[in-house]
Amino acid sequence: MYAFNPDGTIKWMRKLSRFEIASTPAIGGDGTIYFAGDSCGAIHALNPDGTQKWTYVTNAYTRCAPAIGLGQRLYSGYLADPNFSNNGGLLAFGP
């Protein structure tokens, strides 16, 4: 994952494995970067400088991009297992 300065130079870079990122990121109003991870179905949050803010392990398949709602509440869909035998659901984080 890369962040760029307005002049196009690299501001920071964070190397992620294919197990850490499985969705496009969403960026909150405070600059927090949210994305879903494939391995163990984690939701990750990075600080605006690219450092880890938090990780929440869902133990479900969270491959869709998180969505940010009112009040910075974060939403992410999930599947309960890879064989699609469970309909899954919706996770919500925040106030």
N, C-alpha and C. Protein backbone atom coordinates (compact mmCIF):
# COMPACT_ATOMS: atom_id res chain seq x y z
N MET A 1 0.86 -1.15 0.00
CA MET A 1 0.00 0.00 0.00
C MET A 1 0.92 1.23 0.00
N TYR A 2 0.57 2.19 -0.82
CA TYR A 2 1.36 3.41 -0.94
C TYR A 2 0.51 4.64 -0.63
N ALA A 3 1.16 5.65 -0.08
CA ALA A 3 0.55 6.97 0.07
C ALA A 3 1.48 7.94 -0.66
N PHE A 4 0.88 8.87 -1.38
CA PHE A 4 1.66 9.81 -2.18
C PHE A 4 1.46 11.24 -1.69
N ASN A 5 2.52 12.02 -1.83
CA ASN A 5 2.45 13.46 -1.58
C ASN A 5 1.76 14.13 -2.76
N PRO A 6 1.28 15.36 -2.61
CA PRO A 6 0.62 16.06 -3.72
C PRO A 6 1.49 16.18 -4.98
N ASP A 7 2.82 16.18 -4.82
CA ASP A 7 3.70 16.29 -5.99
C ASP A 7 3.98 14.95 -6.65
N GLY A 8 3.37 13.86 -6.13
CA GLY A 8 3.52 12.54 -6.74
C GLY A 8 4.64 11.69 -6.14
N THR A 9 5.42 12.23 -5.23
CA THR A 9 6.46 11.44 -4.58
C THR A 9 5.82 10.55 -3.51
N ILE A 10 6.51 9.47 -3.18
CA ILE A 10 5.98 8.53 -2.19
C ILE A 10 6.12 9.13 -0.79
N LYS A 11 5.00 9.18 -0.09
CA LYS A 11 4.97 9.67 1.29
C LYS A 11 5.35 8.54 2.24
N TRP A 12 4.73 7.36 2.04
CA TRP A 12 5.07 6.16 2.78
C TRP A 12 4.62 4.94 2.01
N MET A 13 5.20 3.78 2.37
CA MET A 13 4.84 2.51 1.76
C MET A 13 4.73 1.48 2.88
N ARG A 14 3.73 0.64 2.79
CA ARG A 14 3.58 -0.45 3.76
C ARG A 14 3.40 -1.73 2.98
N LYS A 15 4.30 -2.67 3.19
CA LYS A 15 4.22 -3.95 2.50
C LYS A 15 3.19 -4.83 3.20
N LEU A 16 2.24 -5.35 2.43
CA LEU A 16 1.18 -6.21 2.94
C LEU A 16 1.21 -7.52 2.18
N SER A 17 0.98 -8.61 2.87
CA SER A 17 0.92 -9.90 2.18
C SER A 17 -0.46 -10.08 1.54
N ARG A 18 -0.59 -11.07 0.71
CA ARG A 18 -1.88 -11.33 0.07
C ARG A 18 -2.92 -11.77 1.09
N PHE A 19 -2.48 -12.15 2.28
CA PHE A 19 -3.41 -12.55 3.34
C PHE A 19 -3.87 -11.36 4.17
N GLU A 20 -3.19 -10.25 4.05
CA GLU A 20 -3.54 -9.08 4.84
C GLU A 20 -4.53 -8.17 4.15
N ILE A 21 -4.59 -8.22 2.84
CA ILE A 21 -5.48 -7.30 2.13
C ILE A 21 -6.30 -8.05 1.09
N ALA A 22 -7.61 -7.88 1.16
CA ALA A 22 -8.50 -8.56 0.23
C ALA A 22 -9.56 -7.61 -0.32
N SER A 23 -9.40 -6.32 -0.07
CA SER A 23 -10.39 -5.36 -0.55
C SER A 23 -9.71 -4.04 -0.88
N THR A 24 -10.44 -3.21 -1.56
CA THR A 24 -9.95 -1.84 -1.73
C THR A 24 -10.11 -1.12 -0.39
N PRO A 25 -9.27 -0.13 -0.14
CA PRO A 25 -9.39 0.58 1.15
C PRO A 25 -10.47 1.64 1.13
N ALA A 26 -10.88 2.01 2.32
CA ALA A 26 -11.78 3.16 2.54
C ALA A 26 -11.04 4.10 3.48
N ILE A 27 -11.12 5.40 3.24
CA ILE A 27 -10.39 6.36 4.06
C ILE A 27 -11.40 7.25 4.79
N GLY A 28 -11.27 7.26 6.12
CA GLY A 28 -12.16 8.04 6.96
C GLY A 28 -11.80 9.52 6.95
N GLY A 29 -12.69 10.34 7.47
CA GLY A 29 -12.48 11.78 7.53
C GLY A 29 -11.26 12.18 8.34
N ASP A 30 -10.85 11.31 9.28
CA ASP A 30 -9.66 11.59 10.09
C ASP A 30 -8.39 11.03 9.46
N GLY A 31 -8.51 10.45 8.25
CA GLY A 31 -7.35 9.90 7.55
C GLY A 31 -7.08 8.44 7.83
N THR A 32 -7.88 7.81 8.70
CA THR A 32 -7.69 6.38 8.97
C THR A 32 -8.02 5.58 7.72
N ILE A 33 -7.19 4.59 7.42
CA ILE A 33 -7.35 3.75 6.24
C ILE A 33 -7.86 2.39 6.70
N TYR A 34 -9.01 1.98 6.18
CA TYR A 34 -9.64 0.72 6.56
C TYR A 34 -9.64 -0.23 5.36
N PHE A 35 -9.39 -1.52 5.62
CA PHE A 35 -9.49 -2.52 4.56
C PHE A 35 -9.72 -3.89 5.16
N ALA A 36 -10.27 -4.78 4.35
CA ALA A 36 -10.55 -6.15 4.79
C ALA A 36 -9.38 -7.05 4.42
N GLY A 37 -9.12 -8.01 5.29
CA GLY A 37 -8.07 -8.99 5.05
C GLY A 37 -8.68 -10.36 4.86
N ASP A 38 -8.06 -11.17 4.03
CA ASP A 38 -8.61 -12.47 3.68
C ASP A 38 -8.33 -13.53 4.74
N SER A 39 -7.13 -13.58 5.26
CA SER A 39 -6.75 -14.62 6.22
C SER A 39 -7.46 -14.39 7.55
N CYS A 40 -8.25 -15.32 7.98
CA CYS A 40 -9.03 -15.25 9.22
C CYS A 40 -10.05 -14.13 9.20
N GLY A 41 -10.26 -13.50 8.07
CA GLY A 41 -11.29 -12.48 7.96
C GLY A 41 -11.09 -11.31 8.89
N ALA A 42 -10.03 -10.61 8.75
CA ALA A 42 -9.74 -9.47 9.61
C ALA A 42 -10.11 -8.15 8.95
N ILE A 43 -10.49 -7.19 9.78
CA ILE A 43 -10.65 -5.80 9.34
C ILE A 43 -9.47 -5.04 9.94
N HIS A 44 -8.75 -4.31 9.11
CA HIS A 44 -7.56 -3.59 9.55
C HIS A 44 -7.80 -2.09 9.46
N ALA A 45 -7.13 -1.35 10.34
CA ALA A 45 -7.14 0.11 10.30
C ALA A 45 -5.70 0.59 10.42
N LEU A 46 -5.32 1.48 9.51
CA LEU A 46 -4.00 2.10 9.55
C LEU A 46 -4.15 3.58 9.88
N ASN A 47 -3.18 4.11 10.61
CA ASN A 47 -3.11 5.55 10.85
C ASN A 47 -2.76 6.25 9.55
N PRO A 48 -2.97 7.55 9.44
CA PRO A 48 -2.64 8.27 8.22
C PRO A 48 -1.17 8.17 7.81
N ASP A 49 -0.28 7.82 8.76
CA ASP A 49 1.14 7.67 8.42
C ASP A 49 1.50 6.24 8.01
N GLY A 50 0.50 5.34 7.93
CA GLY A 50 0.72 3.97 7.49
C GLY A 50 1.01 2.98 8.60
N THR A 51 1.10 3.43 9.84
CA THR A 51 1.32 2.51 10.95
C THR A 51 0.00 1.84 11.35
N GLN A 52 0.13 0.67 11.94
CA GLN A 52 -1.06 -0.10 12.35
C GLN A 52 -1.82 0.64 13.45
N LYS A 53 -3.12 0.81 13.26
CA LYS A 53 -3.96 1.42 14.28
C LYS A 53 -4.66 0.33 15.09
N TRP A 54 -5.33 -0.59 14.39
CA TRP A 54 -5.94 -1.74 15.04
C TRP A 54 -6.29 -2.80 14.00
N THR A 55 -6.53 -4.01 14.50
CA THR A 55 -7.00 -5.13 13.68
C THR A 55 -8.08 -5.85 14.47
N TYR A 56 -9.17 -6.17 13.78
CA TYR A 56 -10.24 -6.94 14.40
C TYR A 56 -10.39 -8.24 13.61
N VAL A 57 -10.18 -9.37 14.26
CA VAL A 57 -10.29 -10.67 13.59
C VAL A 57 -11.73 -11.17 13.72
N THR A 58 -12.36 -11.41 12.57
CA THR A 58 -13.76 -11.81 12.55
C THR A 58 -13.95 -13.32 12.46
N ASN A 59 -12.92 -14.06 12.04
CA ASN A 59 -13.03 -15.50 11.77
C ASN A 59 -14.10 -15.79 10.73
N ALA A 60 -14.31 -14.86 9.82
CA ALA A 60 -15.24 -15.02 8.70
C ALA A 60 -14.57 -14.40 7.47
N TYR A 61 -15.11 -14.63 6.31
CA TYR A 61 -14.52 -14.11 5.09
C TYR A 61 -15.00 -12.69 4.82
N THR A 62 -14.10 -11.75 5.01
CA THR A 62 -14.41 -10.33 4.82
C THR A 62 -13.63 -9.82 3.62
N ARG A 63 -14.19 -9.98 2.44
CA ARG A 63 -13.48 -9.61 1.22
C ARG A 63 -14.03 -8.36 0.54
N CYS A 64 -15.03 -7.76 1.10
CA CYS A 64 -15.59 -6.56 0.47
C CYS A 64 -15.01 -5.31 1.13
N ALA A 65 -14.98 -4.24 0.37
CA ALA A 65 -14.45 -2.98 0.89
C ALA A 65 -15.33 -2.46 2.01
N PRO A 66 -14.74 -2.02 3.11
CA PRO A 66 -15.54 -1.42 4.17
C PRO A 66 -16.21 -0.13 3.68
N ALA A 67 -17.32 0.20 4.29
CA ALA A 67 -18.02 1.45 3.98
C ALA A 67 -18.08 2.28 5.26
N ILE A 68 -17.94 3.59 5.12
CA ILE A 68 -17.95 4.48 6.27
C ILE A 68 -19.27 5.24 6.28
N GLY A 69 -19.97 5.16 7.40
CA GLY A 69 -21.26 5.82 7.53
C GLY A 69 -21.20 7.04 8.42
N LEU A 70 -22.35 7.49 8.84
CA LEU A 70 -22.44 8.66 9.71
C LEU A 70 -21.67 8.43 11.01
N GLY A 71 -21.03 9.47 11.49
CA GLY A 71 -20.31 9.39 12.74
C GLY A 71 -19.08 8.49 12.70
N GLN A 72 -18.55 8.26 11.51
CA GLN A 72 -17.36 7.40 11.32
C GLN A 72 -17.63 5.93 11.65
N ARG A 73 -18.90 5.51 11.66
CA ARG A 73 -19.19 4.08 11.86
C ARG A 73 -18.75 3.33 10.61
N LEU A 74 -18.07 2.22 10.83
CA LEU A 74 -17.52 1.41 9.74
C LEU A 74 -18.37 0.16 9.57
N TYR A 75 -18.70 -0.19 8.33
CA TYR A 75 -19.50 -1.36 8.02
C TYR A 75 -18.72 -2.27 7.07
N SER A 76 -18.86 -3.58 7.27
CA SER A 76 -18.24 -4.54 6.36
C SER A 76 -19.09 -5.80 6.31
N GLY A 77 -19.32 -6.30 5.12
CA GLY A 77 -20.04 -7.54 4.95
C GLY A 77 -19.11 -8.72 5.14
N TYR A 78 -19.68 -9.90 5.43
CA TYR A 78 -18.85 -11.10 5.60
C TYR A 78 -19.64 -12.34 5.22
N LEU A 79 -18.89 -13.41 4.95
CA LEU A 79 -19.43 -14.74 4.76
C LEU A 79 -18.93 -15.60 5.90
N ALA A 80 -19.71 -16.53 6.37
CA ALA A 80 -19.30 -17.35 7.51
C ALA A 80 -18.32 -18.44 7.12
N ASP A 81 -18.36 -18.92 5.88
CA ASP A 81 -17.41 -19.94 5.47
C ASP A 81 -17.19 -19.87 3.95
N PRO A 82 -16.11 -20.49 3.47
CA PRO A 82 -15.78 -20.38 2.04
C PRO A 82 -16.71 -21.14 1.12
N ASN A 83 -17.51 -22.04 1.63
CA ASN A 83 -18.41 -22.83 0.79
C ASN A 83 -19.77 -22.19 0.63
N PHE A 84 -19.94 -20.97 1.16
CA PHE A 84 -21.18 -20.21 1.03
C PHE A 84 -22.39 -20.93 1.61
N SER A 85 -22.14 -21.80 2.62
CA SER A 85 -23.27 -22.50 3.24
C SER A 85 -23.99 -21.65 4.28
N ASN A 86 -23.42 -20.50 4.59
CA ASN A 86 -24.04 -19.57 5.53
C ASN A 86 -24.23 -18.25 4.80
N ASN A 87 -25.32 -17.56 5.03
CA ASN A 87 -25.57 -16.31 4.33
C ASN A 87 -24.67 -15.17 4.74
N GLY A 88 -24.00 -15.30 5.89
CA GLY A 88 -23.13 -14.23 6.33
C GLY A 88 -23.90 -13.11 6.99
N GLY A 89 -23.32 -11.92 6.96
CA GLY A 89 -23.98 -10.80 7.61
C GLY A 89 -23.21 -9.51 7.45
N LEU A 90 -23.44 -8.61 8.36
CA LEU A 90 -22.86 -7.27 8.32
C LEU A 90 -22.23 -6.96 9.67
N LEU A 91 -20.99 -6.49 9.64
CA LEU A 91 -20.31 -6.04 10.85
C LEU A 91 -20.38 -4.52 10.92
N ALA A 92 -20.48 -3.99 12.12
CA ALA A 92 -20.47 -2.53 12.30
C ALA A 92 -19.50 -2.21 13.43
N PHE A 93 -18.66 -1.20 13.22
CA PHE A 93 -17.66 -0.76 14.20
C PHE A 93 -17.86 0.71 14.47
N GLY A 94 -17.72 1.11 15.71
CA GLY A 94 -17.75 2.53 16.03
C GLY A 94 -18.96 2.91 16.85
N PRO A 95 -19.10 4.23 17.01
CA PRO A 95 -20.17 4.75 17.86
C PRO A 95 -21.56 4.52 17.29
